[in-house]
Amino acid sequence: MLKKLSARNQIKGKIVEVHKGQTTAHVRIEIGAGVVITSSITNEAVDDLGLKVGDEAWAVIKASDVMVGK
């Protein structure tokens, strides 16, 4: 469970992939119905959080702008 955060968009899911590059990792979180959110974070953050496939995790989205395309 997350501690309180100011970000309103907190989406619970399950980690389906962690792919580490040289310095940055891509963490894929399935949030339901096959929908996946991908986050780019440092390898150090992956290690500090102990992230691994199958873990429950939260995608926390904080942005000042939301872009829409069609």
PDB file of N, CA and C in Angstrom:
ATOM      1  N   MET A   1       0.834  -1.182   0.000  1.00  0.00           N
ATOM      2  CA  MET A   1       0.000   0.000   0.000  1.00  0.00           C
ATOM      3  C   MET A   1       0.876   1.241   0.000  1.00  0.00           C
ATOM      4  N   LEU A   2       0.488   2.216  -0.788  1.00  0.00           N
ATOM      5  CA  LEU A   2       1.230   3.462  -0.866  1.00  0.00           C
ATOM      6  C   LEU A   2       0.935   4.358   0.319  1.00  0.00           C
ATOM      7  N   LYS A   3       1.924   5.127   0.689  1.00  0.00           N
ATOM      8  CA  LYS A   3       1.683   6.193   1.654  1.00  0.00           C
ATOM      9  C   LYS A   3       0.984   7.299   0.897  1.00  0.00           C
ATOM     10  N   LYS A   4       0.513   8.299   1.589  1.00  0.00           N
ATOM     11  CA  LYS A   4      -0.209   9.383   0.930  1.00  0.00           C
ATOM     12  C   LYS A   4       0.684  10.139  -0.041  1.00  0.00           C
ATOM     13  N   LEU A   5       0.125  10.433  -1.215  1.00  0.00           N
ATOM     14  CA  LEU A   5       0.807  11.208  -2.240  1.00  0.00           C
ATOM     15  C   LEU A   5      -0.147  12.263  -2.762  1.00  0.00           C
ATOM     16  N   SER A   6       0.401  13.348  -3.293  1.00  0.00           N
ATOM     17  CA  SER A   6      -0.451  14.389  -3.858  1.00  0.00           C
ATOM     18  C   SER A   6      -0.992  14.005  -5.236  1.00  0.00           C
ATOM     19  N   ALA A   7      -0.347  13.068  -5.902  1.00  0.00           N
ATOM     20  CA  ALA A   7      -0.796  12.652  -7.236  1.00  0.00           C
ATOM     21  C   ALA A   7      -2.161  11.986  -7.140  1.00  0.00           C
ATOM     22  N   ARG A   8      -3.074  12.418  -7.985  1.00  0.00           N
ATOM     23  CA  ARG A   8      -4.434  11.872  -7.978  1.00  0.00           C
ATOM     24  C   ARG A   8      -4.543  10.561  -8.750  1.00  0.00           C
ATOM     25  N   ASN A   9      -3.691  10.383  -9.731  1.00  0.00           N
ATOM     26  CA  ASN A   9      -3.777   9.214 -10.602  1.00  0.00           C
ATOM     27  C   ASN A   9      -2.873   8.103 -10.086  1.00  0.00           C
ATOM     28  N   GLN A  10      -3.422   7.254  -9.243  1.00  0.00           N
ATOM     29  CA  GLN A  10      -2.697   6.129  -8.669  1.00  0.00           C
ATOM     30  C   GLN A  10      -3.431   4.862  -9.097  1.00  0.00           C
ATOM     31  N   ILE A  11      -2.769   4.072  -9.947  1.00  0.00           N
ATOM     32  CA  ILE A  11      -3.421   2.923 -10.571  1.00  0.00           C
ATOM     33  C   ILE A  11      -2.710   1.648 -10.140  1.00  0.00           C
ATOM     34  N   LYS A  12      -3.457   0.767  -9.491  1.00  0.00           N
ATOM     35  CA  LYS A  12      -2.908  -0.487  -8.984  1.00  0.00           C
ATOM     36  C   LYS A  12      -2.859  -1.531 -10.094  1.00  0.00           C
ATOM     37  N   GLY A  13      -1.789  -2.318 -10.097  1.00  0.00           N
ATOM     38  CA  GLY A  13      -1.669  -3.370 -11.087  1.00  0.00           C
ATOM     39  C   GLY A  13      -0.635  -4.394 -10.692  1.00  0.00           C
ATOM     40  N   LYS A  14      -0.241  -5.202 -11.678  1.00  0.00           N
ATOM     41  CA  LYS A  14       0.741  -6.260 -11.446  1.00  0.00           C
ATOM     42  C   LYS A  14       1.862  -6.113 -12.470  1.00  0.00           C
ATOM     43  N   ILE A  15       3.099  -6.223 -12.004  1.00  0.00           N
ATOM     44  CA  ILE A  15       4.248  -6.116 -12.889  1.00  0.00           C
ATOM     45  C   ILE A  15       4.306  -7.352 -13.786  1.00  0.00           C
ATOM     46  N   VAL A  16       4.345  -7.092 -15.110  1.00  0.00           N
ATOM     47  CA  VAL A  16       4.408  -8.191 -16.072  1.00  0.00           C
ATOM     48  C   VAL A  16       5.766  -8.269 -16.768  1.00  0.00           C
ATOM     49  N   GLU A  17       6.569  -7.199 -16.659  1.00  0.00           N
ATOM     50  CA  GLU A  17       7.902  -7.229 -17.255  1.00  0.00           C
ATOM     51  C   GLU A  17       8.780  -6.153 -16.634  1.00  0.00           C
ATOM     52  N   VAL A  18      10.038  -6.503 -16.387  1.00  0.00           N
ATOM     53  CA  VAL A  18      11.067  -5.542 -15.978  1.00  0.00           C
ATOM     54  C   VAL A  18      12.238  -5.768 -16.920  1.00  0.00           C
ATOM     55  N   HIS A  19      12.537  -4.768 -17.736  1.00  0.00           N
ATOM     56  CA  HIS A  19      13.634  -4.894 -18.694  1.00  0.00           C
ATOM     57  C   HIS A  19      14.666  -3.810 -18.396  1.00  0.00           C
ATOM     58  N   LYS A  20      15.822  -4.233 -17.894  1.00  0.00           N
ATOM     59  CA  LYS A  20      16.882  -3.281 -17.568  1.00  0.00           C
ATOM     60  C   LYS A  20      17.770  -3.029 -18.772  1.00  0.00           C
ATOM     61  N   GLY A  21      18.074  -1.749 -19.009  1.00  0.00           N
ATOM     62  CA  GLY A  21      19.053  -1.351 -20.003  1.00  0.00           C
ATOM     63  C   GLY A  21      20.345  -1.000 -19.279  1.00  0.00           C
ATOM     64  N   GLN A  22      21.176  -0.175 -19.903  1.00  0.00           N
ATOM     65  CA  GLN A  22      22.438   0.196 -19.270  1.00  0.00           C
ATOM     66  C   GLN A  22      22.225   1.023 -18.008  1.00  0.00           C
ATOM     67  N   THR A  23      21.304   1.981 -18.071  1.00  0.00           N
ATOM     68  CA  THR A  23      21.046   2.832 -16.906  1.00  0.00           C
ATOM     69  C   THR A  23      19.565   2.927 -16.556  1.00  0.00           C
ATOM     70  N   THR A  24      18.713   2.666 -17.547  1.00  0.00           N
ATOM     71  CA  THR A  24      17.273   2.840 -17.379  1.00  0.00           C
ATOM     72  C   THR A  24      16.543   1.527 -17.591  1.00  0.00           C
ATOM     73  N   ALA A  25      15.495   1.329 -16.817  1.00  0.00           N
ATOM     74  CA  ALA A  25      14.670   0.130 -16.942  1.00  0.00           C
ATOM     75  C   ALA A  25      13.272   0.508 -17.415  1.00  0.00           C
ATOM     76  N   HIS A  26      12.642  -0.398 -18.146  1.00  0.00           N
ATOM     77  CA  HIS A  26      11.231  -0.255 -18.501  1.00  0.00           C
ATOM     78  C   HIS A  26      10.458  -1.259 -17.662  1.00  0.00           C
ATOM     79  N   VAL A  27       9.513  -0.749 -16.898  1.00  0.00           N
ATOM     80  CA  VAL A  27       8.681  -1.582 -16.040  1.00  0.00           C
ATOM     81  C   VAL A  27       7.272  -1.541 -16.602  1.00  0.00           C
ATOM     82  N   ARG A  28       6.741  -2.713 -16.946  1.00  0.00           N
ATOM     83  CA  ARG A  28       5.391  -2.806 -17.507  1.00  0.00           C
ATOM     84  C   ARG A  28       4.441  -3.320 -16.435  1.00  0.00           C
ATOM     85  N   ILE A  29       3.362  -2.558 -16.206  1.00  0.00           N
ATOM     86  CA  ILE A  29       2.374  -2.887 -15.179  1.00  0.00           C
ATOM     87  C   ILE A  29       1.026  -3.092 -15.851  1.00  0.00           C
ATOM     88  N   GLU A  30       0.466  -4.302 -15.727  1.00  0.00           N
ATOM     89  CA  GLU A  30      -0.875  -4.562 -16.253  1.00  0.00           C
ATOM     90  C   GLU A  30      -1.884  -4.076 -15.229  1.00  0.00           C
ATOM     91  N   ILE A  31      -2.804  -3.216 -15.683  1.00  0.00           N
ATOM     92  CA  ILE A  31      -3.768  -2.606 -14.759  1.00  0.00           C
ATOM     93  C   ILE A  31      -5.167  -3.194 -14.902  1.00  0.00           C
ATOM     94  N   GLY A  32      -5.307  -4.205 -15.759  1.00  0.00           N
ATOM     95  CA  GLY A  32      -6.596  -4.868 -15.928  1.00  0.00           C
ATOM     96  C   GLY A  32      -7.014  -4.912 -17.383  1.00  0.00           C
ATOM     97  N   ALA A  33      -7.761  -5.945 -17.728  1.00  0.00           N
ATOM     98  CA  ALA A  33      -8.305  -6.132 -19.077  1.00  0.00           C
ATOM     99  C   ALA A  33      -7.230  -6.063 -20.149  1.00  0.00           C
ATOM    100  N   GLY A  34      -6.008  -6.493 -19.811  1.00  0.00           N
ATOM    101  CA  GLY A  34      -4.919  -6.506 -20.776  1.00  0.00           C
ATOM    102  C   GLY A  34      -4.273  -5.149 -21.026  1.00  0.00           C
ATOM    103  N   VAL A  35      -4.689  -4.129 -20.285  1.00  0.00           N
ATOM    104  CA  VAL A  35      -4.132  -2.787 -20.440  1.00  0.00           C
ATOM    105  C   VAL A  35      -2.827  -2.697 -19.651  1.00  0.00           C
ATOM    106  N   VAL A  36      -1.766  -2.224 -20.320  1.00  0.00           N
ATOM    107  CA  VAL A  36      -0.445  -2.161 -19.705  1.00  0.00           C
ATOM    108  C   VAL A  36       0.074  -0.731 -19.733  1.00  0.00           C
ATOM    109  N   ILE A  37       0.591  -0.278 -18.596  1.00  0.00           N
ATOM    110  CA  ILE A  37       1.264   1.014 -18.495  1.00  0.00           C
ATOM    111  C   ILE A  37       2.753   0.726 -18.383  1.00  0.00           C
ATOM    112  N   THR A  38       3.557   1.448 -19.173  1.00  0.00           N
ATOM    113  CA  THR A  38       4.999   1.273 -19.136  1.00  0.00           C
ATOM    114  C   THR A  38       5.647   2.508 -18.529  1.00  0.00           C
ATOM    115  N   SER A  39       6.549   2.283 -17.591  1.00  0.00           N
ATOM    116  CA  SER A  39       7.283   3.368 -16.955  1.00  0.00           C
ATOM    117  C   SER A  39       8.773   3.192 -17.195  1.00  0.00           C
ATOM    118  N   SER A  40       9.467   4.291 -17.457  1.00  0.00           N
ATOM    119  CA  SER A  40      10.922   4.283 -17.573  1.00  0.00           C
ATOM    120  C   SER A  40      11.494   4.855 -16.282  1.00  0.00           C
ATOM    121  N   ILE A  41      12.224   4.031 -15.545  1.00  0.00           N
ATOM    122  CA  ILE A  41      12.836   4.456 -14.294  1.00  0.00           C
ATOM    123  C   ILE A  41      14.286   3.969 -14.273  1.00  0.00           C
ATOM    124  N   THR A  42      15.049   4.458 -13.330  1.00  0.00           N
ATOM    125  CA  THR A  42      16.448   4.044 -13.265  1.00  0.00           C
ATOM    126  C   THR A  42      16.561   2.599 -12.776  1.00  0.00           C
ATOM    127  N   ASN A  43      17.643   1.952 -13.181  1.00  0.00           N
ATOM    128  CA  ASN A  43      17.928   0.608 -12.672  1.00  0.00           C
ATOM    129  C   ASN A  43      18.062   0.632 -11.156  1.00  0.00           C
ATOM    130  N   GLU A  44      18.635   1.715 -10.630  1.00  0.00           N
ATOM    131  CA  GLU A  44      18.796   1.854  -9.184  1.00  0.00           C
ATOM    132  C   GLU A  44      17.435   1.842  -8.482  1.00  0.00           C
ATOM    133  N   ALA A  45      16.437   2.512  -9.070  1.00  0.00           N
ATOM    134  CA  ALA A  45      15.089   2.525  -8.487  1.00  0.00           C
ATOM    135  C   ALA A  45      14.477   1.126  -8.496  1.00  0.00           C
ATOM    136  N   VAL A  46      14.692   0.383  -9.589  1.00  0.00           N
ATOM    137  CA  VAL A  46      14.195  -1.001  -9.663  1.00  0.00           C
ATOM    138  C   VAL A  46      14.787  -1.819  -8.517  1.00  0.00           C
ATOM    139  N   ASP A  47      16.099  -1.684  -8.321  1.00  0.00           N
ATOM    140  CA  ASP A  47      16.770  -2.435  -7.257  1.00  0.00           C
ATOM    141  C   ASP A  47      16.317  -1.989  -5.872  1.00  0.00           C
ATOM    142  N   ASP A  48      16.226  -0.671  -5.660  1.00  0.00           N
ATOM    143  CA  ASP A  48      15.815  -0.137  -4.352  1.00  0.00           C
ATOM    144  C   ASP A  48      14.410  -0.601  -3.974  1.00  0.00           C
ATOM    145  N   LEU A  49      13.515  -0.653  -4.965  1.00  0.00           N
ATOM    146  CA  LEU A  49      12.137  -1.071  -4.711  1.00  0.00           C
ATOM    147  C   LEU A  49      11.974  -2.589  -4.736  1.00  0.00           C
ATOM    148  N   GLY A  50      12.993  -3.293  -5.229  1.00  0.00           N
ATOM    149  CA  GLY A  50      12.920  -4.750  -5.315  1.00  0.00           C
ATOM    150  C   GLY A  50      11.858  -5.211  -6.292  1.00  0.00           C
ATOM    151  N   LEU A  51      11.696  -4.502  -7.396  1.00  0.00           N
ATOM    152  CA  LEU A  51      10.639  -4.812  -8.355  1.00  0.00           C
ATOM    153  C   LEU A  51      10.949  -6.086  -9.125  1.00  0.00           C
ATOM    154  N   LYS A  52       9.923  -6.935  -9.241  1.00  0.00           N
ATOM    155  CA  LYS A  52      10.075  -8.160 -10.028  1.00  0.00           C
ATOM    156  C   LYS A  52       8.724  -8.567 -10.601  1.00  0.00           C
ATOM    157  N   VAL A  53       8.767  -9.352 -11.653  1.00  0.00           N
ATOM    158  CA  VAL A  53       7.544  -9.816 -12.306  1.00  0.00           C
ATOM    159  C   VAL A  53       6.663 -10.541 -11.295  1.00  0.00           C
ATOM    160  N   GLY A  54       5.369 -10.216 -11.333  1.00  0.00           N
ATOM    161  CA  GLY A  54       4.394 -10.823 -10.430  1.00  0.00           C
ATOM    162  C   GLY A  54       4.073  -9.963  -9.222  1.00  0.00           C
ATOM    163  N   ASP A  55       4.920  -8.963  -8.941  1.00  0.00           N
ATOM    164  CA  ASP A  55       4.673  -8.077  -7.799  1.00  0.00           C
ATOM    165  C   ASP A  55       3.472  -7.179  -8.052  1.00  0.00           C
ATOM    166  N   GLU A  56       2.723  -6.881  -7.000  1.00  0.00           N
ATOM    167  CA  GLU A  56       1.711  -5.840  -7.052  1.00  0.00           C
ATOM    168  C   GLU A  56       2.458  -4.511  -7.008  1.00  0.00           C
ATOM    169  N   ALA A  57       2.028  -3.565  -7.827  1.00  0.00           N
ATOM    170  CA  ALA A  57       2.682  -2.262  -7.871  1.00  0.00           C
ATOM    171  C   ALA A  57       1.657  -1.189  -8.239  1.00  0.00           C
ATOM    172  N   TRP A  58       2.055   0.039  -8.064  1.00  0.00           N
ATOM    173  CA  TRP A  58       1.203   1.179  -8.381  1.00  0.00           C
ATOM    174  C   TRP A  58       1.866   2.028  -9.450  1.00  0.00           C
ATOM    175  N   ALA A  59       1.118   2.380 -10.476  1.00  0.00           N
ATOM    176  CA  ALA A  59       1.558   3.385 -11.438  1.00  0.00           C
ATOM    177  C   ALA A  59       1.024   4.710 -10.911  1.00  0.00           C
ATOM    178  N   VAL A  60       1.907   5.623 -10.610  1.00  0.00           N
ATOM    179  CA  VAL A  60       1.521   6.933 -10.088  1.00  0.00           C
ATOM    180  C   VAL A  60       1.848   7.958 -11.158  1.00  0.00           C
ATOM    181  N   ILE A  61       0.816   8.636 -11.624  1.00  0.00           N
ATOM    182  CA  ILE A  61       0.967   9.561 -12.742  1.00  0.00           C
ATOM    183  C   ILE A  61       0.709  10.970 -12.257  1.00  0.00           C
ATOM    184  N   LYS A  62       1.711  11.827 -12.384  1.00  0.00           N
ATOM    185  CA  LYS A  62       1.591  13.226 -11.991  1.00  0.00           C
ATOM    186  C   LYS A  62       2.073  14.048 -13.167  1.00  0.00           C
ATOM    187  N   ALA A  63       1.178  14.791 -13.771  1.00  0.00           N
ATOM    188  CA  ALA A  63       1.557  15.588 -14.925  1.00  0.00           C
ATOM    189  C   ALA A  63       0.784  16.902 -14.920  1.00  0.00           C
ATOM    190  N   SER A  64       1.434  17.930 -15.390  1.00  0.00           N
ATOM    191  CA  SER A  64       0.749  19.223 -15.469  1.00  0.00           C
ATOM    192  C   SER A  64      -0.023  19.349 -16.773  1.00  0.00           C
ATOM    193  N   ASP A  65       0.318  18.522 -17.760  1.00  0.00           N
ATOM    194  CA  ASP A  65      -0.358  18.550 -19.055  1.00  0.00           C
ATOM    195  C   ASP A  65      -0.811  17.154 -19.447  1.00  0.00           C
ATOM    196  N   VAL A  66      -1.966  17.067 -20.053  1.00  0.00           N
ATOM    197  CA  VAL A  66      -2.449  15.821 -20.623  1.00  0.00           C
ATOM    198  C   VAL A  66      -2.704  16.084 -22.088  1.00  0.00           C
ATOM    199  N   MET A  67      -2.018  15.353 -22.953  1.00  0.00           N
ATOM    200  CA  MET A  67      -2.177  15.534 -24.389  1.00  0.00           C
ATOM    201  C   MET A  67      -3.151  14.492 -24.926  1.00  0.00           C
ATOM    202  N   VAL A  68      -3.954  14.894 -25.897  1.00  0.00           N
ATOM    203  CA  VAL A  68      -4.906  13.994 -26.517  1.00  0.00           C
ATOM    204  C   VAL A  68      -4.658  14.005 -28.014  1.00  0.00           C
ATOM    205  N   GLY A  69      -4.646  12.827 -28.621  1.00  0.00           N
ATOM    206  CA  GLY A  69      -4.470  12.735 -30.062  1.00  0.00           C
ATOM    207  C   GLY A  69      -5.553  11.884 -30.683  1.00  0.00           C
ATOM    208  N   LYS A  70      -5.733  12.054 -31.976  1.00  0.00           N
ATOM    209  CA  LYS A  70      -6.745  11.257 -32.664  1.00  0.00           C
ATOM    210  C   LYS A  70      -6.256  10.922 -34.038  1.00  0.00           C
TER     211      LYS A  70
END
